[in-house]
Amino acid sequence: MFSQILEVTLPVFGIALVGYLYERLNGSDMDSANRINMNLFVPALLFYVVSEKIPDSPEW
């Protein structure tokens, strides 16, 4: 049971650690990534959520 939990969580925490260390060593400019998220991905996510709430049209 414990090994199954580690198989899932260890890679996730490992990738997070690598990203943290990379940022601490090199620094990063997040302005462009934040701008892309706000201008592209957030509207796409909102469109998806709204489209899932619209009921299907009745079959005639």
N, C-alpha and C. Protein backbone atom coordinates (compact mmCIF):
# COMPACT_ATOMS: atom_id res chain seq x y z
N MET A 1 0.83 -1.19 0.00
CA MET A 1 0.00 0.00 0.00
C MET A 1 0.87 1.26 0.00
N PHE A 2 1.87 1.30 0.89
CA PHE A 2 2.74 2.47 0.97
C PHE A 2 3.53 2.66 -0.32
N SER A 3 3.95 1.56 -0.94
CA SER A 3 4.72 1.68 -2.18
C SER A 3 3.86 2.23 -3.32
N GLN A 4 2.57 1.91 -3.33
CA GLN A 4 1.68 2.45 -4.35
C GLN A 4 1.51 3.95 -4.18
N ILE A 5 1.43 4.41 -2.94
CA ILE A 5 1.31 5.85 -2.68
C ILE A 5 2.58 6.55 -3.13
N LEU A 6 3.74 5.96 -2.84
CA LEU A 6 5.01 6.57 -3.26
C LEU A 6 5.15 6.60 -4.77
N GLU A 7 4.65 5.58 -5.47
CA GLU A 7 4.74 5.55 -6.93
C GLU A 7 4.02 6.73 -7.56
N VAL A 8 2.98 7.21 -6.90
CA VAL A 8 2.21 8.33 -7.44
C VAL A 8 2.79 9.66 -6.96
N THR A 9 3.07 9.77 -5.67
CA THR A 9 3.44 11.06 -5.11
C THR A 9 4.90 11.43 -5.33
N LEU A 10 5.78 10.46 -5.33
CA LEU A 10 7.21 10.76 -5.47
C LEU A 10 7.53 11.48 -6.78
N PRO A 11 7.04 11.04 -7.94
CA PRO A 11 7.34 11.79 -9.16
C PRO A 11 6.75 13.22 -9.15
N VAL A 12 5.59 13.39 -8.56
CA VAL A 12 4.98 14.73 -8.51
C VAL A 12 5.84 15.66 -7.67
N PHE A 13 6.22 15.21 -6.48
CA PHE A 13 7.06 16.04 -5.62
C PHE A 13 8.45 16.22 -6.22
N GLY A 14 8.95 15.22 -6.93
CA GLY A 14 10.25 15.35 -7.59
C GLY A 14 10.24 16.42 -8.66
N ILE A 15 9.21 16.45 -9.47
CA ILE A 15 9.10 17.47 -10.52
C ILE A 15 8.94 18.85 -9.89
N ALA A 16 8.15 18.94 -8.82
CA ALA A 16 7.99 20.22 -8.13
C ALA A 16 9.32 20.68 -7.55
N LEU A 17 10.11 19.78 -7.00
CA LEU A 17 11.41 20.13 -6.45
C LEU A 17 12.37 20.60 -7.53
N VAL A 18 12.39 19.92 -8.67
CA VAL A 18 13.24 20.34 -9.78
C VAL A 18 12.85 21.74 -10.25
N GLY A 19 11.56 22.00 -10.38
CA GLY A 19 11.11 23.34 -10.78
C GLY A 19 11.49 24.40 -9.77
N TYR A 20 11.35 24.09 -8.49
CA TYR A 20 11.72 25.04 -7.44
C TYR A 20 13.21 25.34 -7.49
N LEU A 21 14.03 24.30 -7.61
CA LEU A 21 15.47 24.50 -7.65
C LEU A 21 15.89 25.27 -8.90
N TYR A 22 15.28 24.99 -10.03
CA TYR A 22 15.59 25.71 -11.26
C TYR A 22 15.28 27.19 -11.11
N GLU A 23 14.14 27.51 -10.51
CA GLU A 23 13.77 28.91 -10.34
C GLU A 23 14.72 29.60 -9.37
N ARG A 24 15.09 28.92 -8.29
CA ARG A 24 16.00 29.53 -7.31
C ARG A 24 17.37 29.79 -7.91
N LEU A 25 17.85 28.91 -8.78
CA LEU A 25 19.18 29.07 -9.36
C LEU A 25 19.20 30.06 -10.52
N ASN A 26 18.19 30.04 -11.38
CA ASN A 26 18.19 30.85 -12.59
C ASN A 26 17.27 32.06 -12.52
N GLY A 27 16.29 32.03 -11.65
CA GLY A 27 15.31 33.10 -11.65
C GLY A 27 14.45 32.97 -12.90
N SER A 28 13.29 33.53 -12.85
CA SER A 28 12.44 33.45 -14.03
C SER A 28 11.53 34.66 -14.09
N ASP A 29 11.13 35.00 -15.30
CA ASP A 29 10.21 36.10 -15.53
C ASP A 29 8.85 35.49 -15.83
N MET A 30 7.94 35.61 -14.90
CA MET A 30 6.63 34.97 -15.03
C MET A 30 5.60 35.89 -15.69
N ASP A 31 5.98 37.11 -16.05
CA ASP A 31 5.02 38.04 -16.64
C ASP A 31 4.42 37.49 -17.93
N SER A 32 5.24 36.94 -18.80
CA SER A 32 4.72 36.45 -20.08
C SER A 32 3.83 35.22 -19.87
N ALA A 33 4.21 34.32 -18.97
CA ALA A 33 3.38 33.14 -18.69
C ALA A 33 2.05 33.55 -18.08
N ASN A 34 2.08 34.52 -17.18
CA ASN A 34 0.83 34.99 -16.56
C ASN A 34 -0.07 35.66 -17.59
N ARG A 35 0.52 36.42 -18.50
CA ARG A 35 -0.26 37.10 -19.54
C ARG A 35 -0.92 36.08 -20.47
N ILE A 36 -0.19 35.04 -20.86
CA ILE A 36 -0.75 33.99 -21.71
C ILE A 36 -1.89 33.28 -20.99
N ASN A 37 -1.69 32.96 -19.71
CA ASN A 37 -2.75 32.30 -18.95
C ASN A 37 -4.01 33.15 -18.89
N MET A 38 -3.86 34.43 -18.60
CA MET A 38 -5.03 35.30 -18.44
C MET A 38 -5.71 35.58 -19.77
N ASN A 39 -4.97 35.66 -20.85
CA ASN A 39 -5.55 36.01 -22.14
C ASN A 39 -6.01 34.81 -22.96
N LEU A 40 -5.49 33.64 -22.70
CA LEU A 40 -5.81 32.49 -23.53
C LEU A 40 -6.49 31.36 -22.74
N PHE A 41 -5.85 30.90 -21.69
CA PHE A 41 -6.32 29.70 -21.01
C PHE A 41 -7.52 29.94 -20.11
N VAL A 42 -7.56 31.06 -19.41
CA VAL A 42 -8.71 31.33 -18.54
C VAL A 42 -9.99 31.50 -19.36
N PRO A 43 -9.99 32.28 -20.46
CA PRO A 43 -11.22 32.33 -21.27
C PRO A 43 -11.59 30.97 -21.87
N ALA A 44 -10.62 30.17 -22.26
CA ALA A 44 -10.92 28.84 -22.79
C ALA A 44 -11.55 27.96 -21.71
N LEU A 45 -11.05 28.05 -20.49
CA LEU A 45 -11.62 27.27 -19.40
C LEU A 45 -13.04 27.73 -19.09
N LEU A 46 -13.27 29.03 -19.07
CA LEU A 46 -14.62 29.54 -18.83
C LEU A 46 -15.58 29.12 -19.93
N PHE A 47 -15.14 29.17 -21.18
CA PHE A 47 -15.98 28.73 -22.29
C PHE A 47 -16.34 27.26 -22.14
N TYR A 48 -15.38 26.44 -21.74
CA TYR A 48 -15.64 25.01 -21.55
C TYR A 48 -16.66 24.79 -20.45
N VAL A 49 -16.49 25.48 -19.32
CA VAL A 49 -17.40 25.29 -18.19
C VAL A 49 -18.81 25.72 -18.57
N VAL A 50 -18.94 26.85 -19.26
CA VAL A 50 -20.27 27.32 -19.66
C VAL A 50 -20.88 26.37 -20.68
N SER A 51 -20.09 25.87 -21.60
CA SER A 51 -20.63 24.97 -22.62
C SER A 51 -21.10 23.65 -22.02
N GLU A 52 -20.50 23.23 -20.91
CA GLU A 52 -20.93 22.01 -20.24
C GLU A 52 -22.26 22.21 -19.51
N LYS A 53 -22.59 23.44 -19.17
CA LYS A 53 -23.82 23.73 -18.43
C LYS A 53 -25.03 23.86 -19.35
N ILE A 54 -24.80 24.08 -20.65
CA ILE A 54 -25.90 24.25 -21.60
C ILE A 54 -26.51 22.88 -21.86
N PRO A 55 -27.84 22.75 -21.68
CA PRO A 55 -28.46 21.44 -21.93
C PRO A 55 -28.45 21.12 -23.43
N ASP A 56 -28.44 19.85 -23.72
CA ASP A 56 -28.51 19.42 -25.12
C ASP A 56 -29.86 19.79 -25.71
N SER A 57 -29.86 20.08 -27.01
CA SER A 57 -31.12 20.40 -27.66
C SER A 57 -31.95 19.12 -27.80
N PRO A 58 -33.26 19.25 -27.71
CA PRO A 58 -34.10 18.04 -27.79
C PRO A 58 -34.05 17.45 -29.20
N GLU A 59 -34.14 16.15 -29.25
CA GLU A 59 -34.16 15.46 -30.53
C GLU A 59 -35.58 15.52 -31.10
N TRP A 60 -35.74 15.92 -32.30
CA TRP A 60 -37.07 16.05 -32.93
C TRP A 60 -37.37 14.82 -33.71
